N, C-alpha and C. Protein backbone atom coordinates (compact mmCIF):
# COMPACT_ATOMS: atom_id res chain seq x y z
N UNK A 1 82.65 65.68 -13.02
CA UNK A 1 84.01 65.15 -13.04
C UNK A 1 83.92 63.64 -12.90
N UNK A 2 84.62 62.91 -13.74
CA UNK A 2 84.57 61.46 -13.72
C UNK A 2 85.80 60.90 -13.02
N UNK A 3 85.58 59.87 -12.21
CA UNK A 3 86.69 59.19 -11.54
C UNK A 3 87.35 58.27 -12.55
N UNK A 4 88.68 58.06 -12.43
CA UNK A 4 89.36 57.14 -13.32
C UNK A 4 88.75 55.74 -13.21
N UNK A 5 88.72 55.01 -14.33
CA UNK A 5 88.13 53.68 -14.36
C UNK A 5 88.78 52.76 -13.33
N UNK A 6 90.10 52.81 -13.19
CA UNK A 6 90.80 51.96 -12.22
C UNK A 6 90.32 52.20 -10.80
N UNK A 7 90.10 53.46 -10.46
CA UNK A 7 89.63 53.81 -9.11
C UNK A 7 88.22 53.27 -8.89
N UNK A 8 87.37 53.38 -9.91
CA UNK A 8 86.02 52.85 -9.78
C UNK A 8 86.02 51.34 -9.62
N UNK A 9 86.84 50.65 -10.40
CA UNK A 9 86.93 49.19 -10.29
C UNK A 9 87.46 48.79 -8.93
N UNK A 10 88.47 49.51 -8.42
CA UNK A 10 89.04 49.21 -7.10
C UNK A 10 87.97 49.37 -6.02
N UNK A 11 87.18 50.43 -6.12
CA UNK A 11 86.12 50.66 -5.14
C UNK A 11 85.06 49.57 -5.22
N UNK A 12 84.73 49.14 -6.43
CA UNK A 12 83.74 48.07 -6.60
C UNK A 12 84.24 46.77 -5.99
N UNK A 13 85.51 46.42 -6.25
CA UNK A 13 86.08 45.20 -5.67
C UNK A 13 86.10 45.29 -4.15
N UNK A 14 86.51 46.42 -3.61
CA UNK A 14 86.56 46.59 -2.16
C UNK A 14 85.17 46.47 -1.55
N UNK A 15 84.17 47.09 -2.20
CA UNK A 15 82.81 47.03 -1.67
C UNK A 15 82.27 45.61 -1.74
N UNK A 16 82.50 44.91 -2.85
CA UNK A 16 82.04 43.54 -3.01
C UNK A 16 82.71 42.64 -2.00
N UNK A 17 84.02 42.81 -1.81
CA UNK A 17 84.76 41.98 -0.85
C UNK A 17 84.24 42.20 0.57
N UNK A 18 84.00 43.45 0.90
CA UNK A 18 83.50 43.74 2.24
C UNK A 18 82.11 43.14 2.44
N UNK A 19 81.27 43.23 1.43
CA UNK A 19 79.93 42.67 1.54
C UNK A 19 80.00 41.16 1.72
N UNK A 20 80.87 40.49 0.96
CA UNK A 20 80.95 39.04 1.09
C UNK A 20 81.53 38.64 2.44
N UNK A 21 82.40 39.47 3.00
CA UNK A 21 82.97 39.16 4.32
C UNK A 21 81.89 39.17 5.39
N UNK A 22 80.83 39.94 5.19
CA UNK A 22 79.77 40.02 6.18
C UNK A 22 78.95 38.73 6.25
N UNK A 23 79.07 37.87 5.25
CA UNK A 23 78.31 36.62 5.24
C UNK A 23 79.20 35.43 5.60
N UNK A 24 80.39 35.68 6.08
CA UNK A 24 81.31 34.60 6.42
C UNK A 24 80.86 33.85 7.68
N UNK A 25 81.30 32.60 7.75
CA UNK A 25 81.06 31.78 8.94
C UNK A 25 81.87 32.34 10.11
N UNK A 26 81.56 31.95 11.34
CA UNK A 26 82.36 32.40 12.49
C UNK A 26 83.84 32.03 12.36
N UNK A 27 84.15 30.86 11.80
CA UNK A 27 85.55 30.47 11.65
C UNK A 27 86.26 31.32 10.59
N UNK A 28 85.57 31.66 9.49
CA UNK A 28 86.16 32.56 8.48
C UNK A 28 86.38 33.95 9.09
N UNK A 29 85.44 34.41 9.90
CA UNK A 29 85.60 35.71 10.55
C UNK A 29 86.79 35.69 11.51
N UNK A 30 87.01 34.56 12.17
CA UNK A 30 88.16 34.42 13.07
C UNK A 30 89.47 34.58 12.30
N UNK A 31 89.55 33.97 11.12
CA UNK A 31 90.76 34.10 10.29
C UNK A 31 90.95 35.56 9.90
N UNK A 32 89.87 36.22 9.49
CA UNK A 32 90.01 37.61 9.07
C UNK A 32 90.42 38.52 10.24
N UNK A 33 89.91 38.22 11.44
CA UNK A 33 90.34 38.99 12.62
C UNK A 33 91.84 38.82 12.87
N UNK A 34 92.36 37.60 12.64
CA UNK A 34 93.80 37.37 12.79
C UNK A 34 94.58 38.18 11.77
N UNK A 35 94.10 38.21 10.54
CA UNK A 35 94.76 39.02 9.50
C UNK A 35 94.81 40.49 9.94
N UNK A 36 93.67 41.00 10.36
CA UNK A 36 93.58 42.39 10.78
C UNK A 36 94.50 42.67 11.97
N UNK A 37 94.52 41.75 12.93
CA UNK A 37 95.37 41.90 14.11
C UNK A 37 96.85 41.93 13.72
N UNK A 38 97.26 41.03 12.83
CA UNK A 38 98.66 40.98 12.42
C UNK A 38 99.07 42.28 11.72
N UNK A 39 98.24 42.78 10.84
CA UNK A 39 98.56 44.03 10.14
C UNK A 39 98.66 45.20 11.12
N UNK A 40 97.75 45.25 12.09
CA UNK A 40 97.80 46.34 13.08
C UNK A 40 99.05 46.24 13.96
N UNK A 41 99.39 45.03 14.38
CA UNK A 41 100.59 44.85 15.21
C UNK A 41 101.84 45.22 14.43
N UNK A 42 101.91 44.82 13.18
CA UNK A 42 103.07 45.13 12.36
C UNK A 42 103.20 46.64 12.16
N UNK A 43 102.09 47.31 11.87
CA UNK A 43 102.12 48.77 11.68
C UNK A 43 102.57 49.48 12.95
N UNK A 44 102.19 48.92 14.11
CA UNK A 44 102.57 49.52 15.40
C UNK A 44 103.98 49.12 15.83
N UNK A 45 104.66 48.38 14.96
CA UNK A 45 106.03 47.90 15.23
C UNK A 45 106.06 46.96 16.43
N UNK A 46 104.95 46.27 16.66
CA UNK A 46 104.85 45.26 17.72
C UNK A 46 105.19 43.91 17.10
N UNK A 47 106.44 43.52 17.21
CA UNK A 47 106.92 42.31 16.55
C UNK A 47 106.58 41.03 17.32
N UNK A 48 105.83 41.14 18.41
CA UNK A 48 105.44 39.92 19.14
C UNK A 48 104.52 39.04 18.30
N UNK A 49 103.93 39.59 17.24
CA UNK A 49 103.08 38.77 16.38
C UNK A 49 103.87 37.61 15.78
N UNK A 50 105.16 37.79 15.58
CA UNK A 50 105.97 36.73 14.98
C UNK A 50 106.02 35.52 15.90
N UNK A 51 106.20 35.73 17.17
CA UNK A 51 106.26 34.60 18.11
C UNK A 51 104.89 34.03 18.44
N UNK A 52 103.86 34.87 18.44
CA UNK A 52 102.55 34.41 18.87
C UNK A 52 101.64 33.93 17.75
N UNK A 53 101.90 34.36 16.51
CA UNK A 53 100.97 34.06 15.42
C UNK A 53 101.58 33.23 14.28
N UNK A 54 102.87 32.94 14.36
CA UNK A 54 103.57 32.28 13.26
C UNK A 54 104.04 30.89 13.69
N UNK A 55 103.79 29.91 12.85
CA UNK A 55 104.22 28.54 13.12
C UNK A 55 105.75 28.46 13.05
N UNK A 56 106.38 27.65 13.90
CA UNK A 56 107.85 27.54 13.88
C UNK A 56 108.41 27.07 12.53
N UNK A 57 107.63 26.31 11.77
CA UNK A 57 108.11 25.78 10.49
C UNK A 57 107.69 26.61 9.28
N UNK A 58 107.37 27.87 9.50
CA UNK A 58 106.92 28.71 8.38
C UNK A 58 107.96 28.76 7.26
N UNK A 59 107.46 28.78 6.05
CA UNK A 59 108.28 29.03 4.86
C UNK A 59 107.42 29.89 3.96
N UNK A 60 107.87 31.10 3.65
CA UNK A 60 107.06 32.04 2.86
C UNK A 60 107.93 32.74 1.84
N UNK A 61 107.27 33.29 0.83
CA UNK A 61 108.01 33.93 -0.26
C UNK A 61 107.29 35.21 -0.67
N UNK A 62 107.92 36.33 -0.39
CA UNK A 62 107.38 37.62 -0.81
C UNK A 62 108.06 38.05 -2.10
N UNK A 63 107.38 38.89 -2.87
CA UNK A 63 107.87 39.25 -4.20
C UNK A 63 109.22 39.97 -4.18
N UNK A 64 109.57 40.65 -3.12
CA UNK A 64 110.82 41.40 -3.11
C UNK A 64 111.99 40.64 -2.48
N UNK A 65 111.82 39.34 -2.23
CA UNK A 65 112.91 38.52 -1.71
C UNK A 65 113.30 37.49 -2.76
N UNK A 66 114.59 37.15 -2.83
CA UNK A 66 115.06 36.25 -3.87
C UNK A 66 114.70 34.78 -3.68
N UNK A 67 114.30 34.40 -2.48
CA UNK A 67 114.00 33.00 -2.20
C UNK A 67 113.07 32.92 -0.99
N UNK A 68 112.46 31.76 -0.75
CA UNK A 68 111.63 31.61 0.44
C UNK A 68 112.41 31.89 1.72
N UNK A 69 111.69 32.33 2.74
CA UNK A 69 112.29 32.67 4.03
C UNK A 69 111.70 31.79 5.13
N UNK A 70 112.44 31.69 6.24
CA UNK A 70 111.96 30.95 7.41
C UNK A 70 111.65 31.95 8.53
N UNK A 71 111.34 31.43 9.71
CA UNK A 71 110.94 32.29 10.82
C UNK A 71 112.07 33.20 11.29
N UNK A 72 113.30 32.69 11.32
CA UNK A 72 114.44 33.52 11.73
C UNK A 72 114.62 34.70 10.78
N UNK A 73 114.47 34.44 9.48
CA UNK A 73 114.59 35.51 8.49
C UNK A 73 113.44 36.51 8.63
N UNK A 74 112.24 36.01 8.88
CA UNK A 74 111.09 36.88 9.11
C UNK A 74 111.36 37.84 10.26
N UNK A 75 111.86 37.31 11.35
CA UNK A 75 112.15 38.14 12.52
C UNK A 75 113.24 39.17 12.22
N UNK A 76 114.32 38.71 11.60
CA UNK A 76 115.45 39.61 11.28
C UNK A 76 115.01 40.77 10.39
N UNK A 77 114.29 40.50 9.31
CA UNK A 77 113.92 41.55 8.36
C UNK A 77 112.81 42.44 8.91
N UNK A 78 111.93 41.92 9.76
CA UNK A 78 110.92 42.78 10.38
C UNK A 78 111.55 43.72 11.40
N UNK A 79 112.55 43.25 12.13
CA UNK A 79 113.26 44.14 13.06
C UNK A 79 113.93 45.27 12.30
N UNK A 80 114.59 44.94 11.20
CA UNK A 80 115.24 45.96 10.38
C UNK A 80 114.20 46.93 9.81
N UNK A 81 113.13 46.39 9.23
CA UNK A 81 112.11 47.23 8.62
C UNK A 81 111.46 48.19 9.60
N UNK A 82 111.35 47.78 10.85
CA UNK A 82 110.71 48.66 11.84
C UNK A 82 111.58 49.86 12.20
N UNK A 83 112.86 49.84 11.83
CA UNK A 83 113.75 50.95 12.13
C UNK A 83 113.84 51.98 11.01
N UNK A 84 113.38 51.63 9.82
CA UNK A 84 113.61 52.53 8.68
C UNK A 84 112.35 53.19 8.14
N UNK A 85 111.19 52.91 8.73
CA UNK A 85 109.97 53.53 8.22
C UNK A 85 108.82 53.40 9.19
N UNK A 86 107.76 54.14 8.87
CA UNK A 86 106.56 54.15 9.69
C UNK A 86 105.34 54.06 8.79
N UNK A 87 104.39 53.22 9.18
CA UNK A 87 103.12 53.14 8.47
C UNK A 87 102.25 54.30 8.94
N UNK A 88 101.78 55.09 8.00
CA UNK A 88 100.90 56.22 8.32
C UNK A 88 99.44 55.82 8.27
N UNK A 89 99.11 54.96 7.31
CA UNK A 89 97.74 54.49 7.14
C UNK A 89 97.79 53.20 6.35
N UNK A 90 96.83 52.31 6.63
CA UNK A 90 96.76 51.06 5.88
C UNK A 90 95.33 50.55 5.88
N UNK A 91 95.04 49.75 4.87
CA UNK A 91 93.73 49.12 4.79
C UNK A 91 93.89 47.80 4.05
N UNK A 92 93.21 46.77 4.54
CA UNK A 92 93.22 45.48 3.86
C UNK A 92 91.81 45.16 3.38
N UNK A 93 91.74 44.55 2.19
CA UNK A 93 90.47 44.29 1.52
C UNK A 93 90.32 42.79 1.31
N UNK A 94 89.44 42.13 2.04
CA UNK A 94 89.30 40.67 1.91
C UNK A 94 88.74 40.28 0.55
N UNK A 95 89.29 39.22 -0.01
CA UNK A 95 88.78 38.64 -1.24
C UNK A 95 88.09 37.32 -0.91
N UNK A 96 88.82 36.43 -0.18
CA UNK A 96 88.22 35.16 0.20
C UNK A 96 88.93 34.57 1.40
N UNK A 97 88.20 33.74 2.13
CA UNK A 97 88.75 32.91 3.19
C UNK A 97 88.14 31.53 3.00
N UNK A 98 89.00 30.54 2.76
CA UNK A 98 88.56 29.17 2.55
C UNK A 98 89.16 28.30 3.64
N UNK A 99 88.31 27.48 4.27
CA UNK A 99 88.78 26.62 5.36
C UNK A 99 88.43 25.18 5.05
N UNK A 100 89.42 24.31 5.16
CA UNK A 100 89.23 22.87 5.01
C UNK A 100 89.98 22.19 6.14
N UNK A 101 89.24 21.56 7.03
CA UNK A 101 89.84 20.87 8.16
C UNK A 101 90.67 21.84 8.99
N UNK A 102 91.99 21.59 9.10
CA UNK A 102 92.85 22.45 9.91
C UNK A 102 93.69 23.41 9.07
N UNK A 103 93.25 23.68 7.83
CA UNK A 103 93.97 24.60 6.94
C UNK A 103 93.02 25.70 6.49
N UNK A 104 93.48 26.94 6.58
CA UNK A 104 92.70 28.09 6.11
C UNK A 104 93.56 28.90 5.14
N UNK A 105 92.93 29.37 4.08
CA UNK A 105 93.60 30.21 3.08
C UNK A 105 92.85 31.53 2.99
N UNK A 106 93.57 32.62 3.21
CA UNK A 106 92.99 33.96 3.11
C UNK A 106 93.66 34.69 1.96
N UNK A 107 92.84 35.28 1.11
CA UNK A 107 93.36 36.07 -0.01
C UNK A 107 92.79 37.47 0.10
N UNK A 108 93.65 38.46 -0.12
CA UNK A 108 93.23 39.84 0.05
C UNK A 108 94.17 40.79 -0.67
N UNK A 109 93.72 42.02 -0.80
CA UNK A 109 94.54 43.11 -1.33
C UNK A 109 94.76 44.11 -0.20
N UNK A 110 95.72 44.99 -0.39
CA UNK A 110 96.01 46.00 0.63
C UNK A 110 96.46 47.30 -0.01
N UNK A 111 96.41 48.35 0.79
CA UNK A 111 96.93 49.66 0.43
C UNK A 111 97.60 50.21 1.69
N UNK A 112 98.84 50.67 1.54
CA UNK A 112 99.61 51.17 2.67
C UNK A 112 100.27 52.50 2.30
N UNK A 113 100.11 53.49 3.18
CA UNK A 113 100.83 54.75 3.06
C UNK A 113 101.90 54.76 4.15
N UNK A 114 103.13 55.03 3.77
CA UNK A 114 104.22 54.99 4.74
C UNK A 114 105.17 56.16 4.53
N UNK A 115 106.04 56.33 5.54
CA UNK A 115 107.06 57.37 5.50
C UNK A 115 108.37 56.74 5.92
N UNK A 116 109.43 56.98 5.13
CA UNK A 116 110.73 56.40 5.48
C UNK A 116 111.52 57.35 6.38
N UNK A 117 112.71 56.94 6.76
CA UNK A 117 113.52 57.73 7.68
C UNK A 117 113.94 59.08 7.09
N UNK A 118 113.86 59.23 5.76
CA UNK A 118 114.17 60.51 5.11
C UNK A 118 112.93 61.42 5.03
N UNK A 119 111.82 60.94 5.63
CA UNK A 119 110.54 61.65 5.62
C UNK A 119 109.89 61.67 4.24
N UNK A 120 110.28 60.73 3.36
CA UNK A 120 109.66 60.59 2.05
C UNK A 120 108.45 59.68 2.21
N UNK A 121 107.35 60.08 1.59
CA UNK A 121 106.12 59.31 1.71
C UNK A 121 105.84 58.53 0.43
N UNK A 122 105.19 57.37 0.62
CA UNK A 122 104.86 56.51 -0.51
C UNK A 122 103.58 55.75 -0.17
N UNK A 123 102.76 55.54 -1.18
CA UNK A 123 101.57 54.70 -1.05
C UNK A 123 101.70 53.55 -2.03
N UNK A 124 101.51 52.34 -1.53
CA UNK A 124 101.61 51.14 -2.37
C UNK A 124 100.35 50.30 -2.22
N UNK A 125 100.11 49.48 -3.22
CA UNK A 125 99.05 48.49 -3.16
C UNK A 125 99.68 47.13 -3.43
N UNK A 126 98.98 46.09 -3.04
CA UNK A 126 99.51 44.75 -3.28
C UNK A 126 98.50 43.69 -2.92
N UNK A 127 98.99 42.45 -2.90
CA UNK A 127 98.11 41.31 -2.62
C UNK A 127 98.86 40.22 -1.89
N UNK A 128 98.14 39.44 -1.14
CA UNK A 128 98.70 38.28 -0.45
C UNK A 128 97.74 37.11 -0.48
N UNK A 129 98.30 35.93 -0.46
CA UNK A 129 97.61 34.70 -0.14
C UNK A 129 98.30 34.16 1.09
N UNK A 130 97.58 34.07 2.20
CA UNK A 130 98.12 33.59 3.47
C UNK A 130 97.50 32.24 3.79
N UNK A 131 98.32 31.33 4.31
CA UNK A 131 97.84 30.01 4.70
C UNK A 131 98.07 29.83 6.19
N UNK A 132 97.02 29.41 6.88
CA UNK A 132 97.06 29.15 8.32
C UNK A 132 96.90 27.65 8.55
N UNK A 133 97.47 27.18 9.64
CA UNK A 133 97.28 25.81 10.07
C UNK A 133 96.80 25.86 11.52
N UNK A 134 95.76 25.10 11.82
CA UNK A 134 95.25 25.06 13.19
C UNK A 134 96.00 23.99 13.95
N UNK A 135 96.68 24.42 15.01
CA UNK A 135 97.49 23.50 15.81
C UNK A 135 97.26 23.83 17.28
N UNK A 136 96.91 22.84 18.07
CA UNK A 136 96.65 23.07 19.49
C UNK A 136 95.51 24.04 19.71
N UNK A 137 94.52 24.05 18.80
CA UNK A 137 93.37 24.93 18.94
C UNK A 137 93.60 26.36 18.48
N UNK A 138 94.80 26.66 17.93
CA UNK A 138 95.13 28.03 17.49
C UNK A 138 95.49 28.04 16.01
N UNK A 139 95.02 29.05 15.32
CA UNK A 139 95.40 29.25 13.93
C UNK A 139 96.75 29.96 13.89
N UNK A 140 97.68 29.42 13.10
CA UNK A 140 99.02 30.01 12.96
C UNK A 140 99.37 30.15 11.48
N UNK A 141 100.06 31.24 11.15
CA UNK A 141 100.56 31.39 9.79
C UNK A 141 101.57 30.28 9.52
N UNK A 142 101.41 29.55 8.40
CA UNK A 142 102.37 28.51 8.02
C UNK A 142 103.09 28.90 6.71
N UNK A 143 102.44 29.72 5.90
CA UNK A 143 103.08 30.23 4.69
C UNK A 143 102.27 31.40 4.14
N UNK A 144 102.90 32.16 3.28
CA UNK A 144 102.20 33.18 2.50
C UNK A 144 103.03 33.51 1.28
N UNK A 145 102.38 34.11 0.32
CA UNK A 145 103.05 34.58 -0.89
C UNK A 145 102.36 35.86 -1.32
N UNK A 146 103.15 36.78 -1.83
CA UNK A 146 102.58 38.03 -2.32
C UNK A 146 103.51 39.20 -2.05
N UNK A 147 102.93 40.38 -2.10
CA UNK A 147 103.69 41.60 -1.87
C UNK A 147 103.15 42.74 -2.70
N UNK A 148 103.93 43.81 -2.78
CA UNK A 148 103.52 45.02 -3.49
C UNK A 148 103.34 44.75 -4.98
N UNK A 149 102.36 45.45 -5.55
CA UNK A 149 102.19 45.43 -6.99
C UNK A 149 103.41 46.09 -7.62
N UNK A 150 103.74 45.74 -8.86
CA UNK A 150 104.88 46.39 -9.53
C UNK A 150 104.64 47.90 -9.63
N UNK A 151 105.71 48.65 -9.48
CA UNK A 151 105.62 50.11 -9.58
C UNK A 151 105.40 50.52 -11.04
N UNK A 152 104.53 51.49 -11.23
CA UNK A 152 104.28 52.00 -12.58
C UNK A 152 105.45 52.89 -12.99
N UNK A 153 105.86 52.72 -14.23
CA UNK A 153 107.03 53.50 -14.67
C UNK A 153 106.70 54.61 -15.60
């Protein structure tokens, strides 16, 4: 039995990304740990990540929003989102982490299985580019762009 070509390519990208992550510098690994921590906190509906990991001047744009958002909007929509669904499983796949001075850029793909309040389940994939700024010795999210891949029709 042959696996679909898309599945094989996805597995190859995930394996290559994971292998390259193993050769990252300590600072690149620190950025990836922050990414992992944020995703875990969000899945657990622990919204304290917004106050502890996000810069006050954040401006970000996700694919399902009509315009860039600020920190107040991030907080409002995450509070709402935490009431209407639950993450059942998730995985993030690193592509790259680039650091220059006090700016870090992390690019990755993800896969999330979730269940909404109607008990309907869905699995989505997507991508993000996240930008961090180091301020006061701490890396903070300053912007990101991305979101779910378009749904197949």
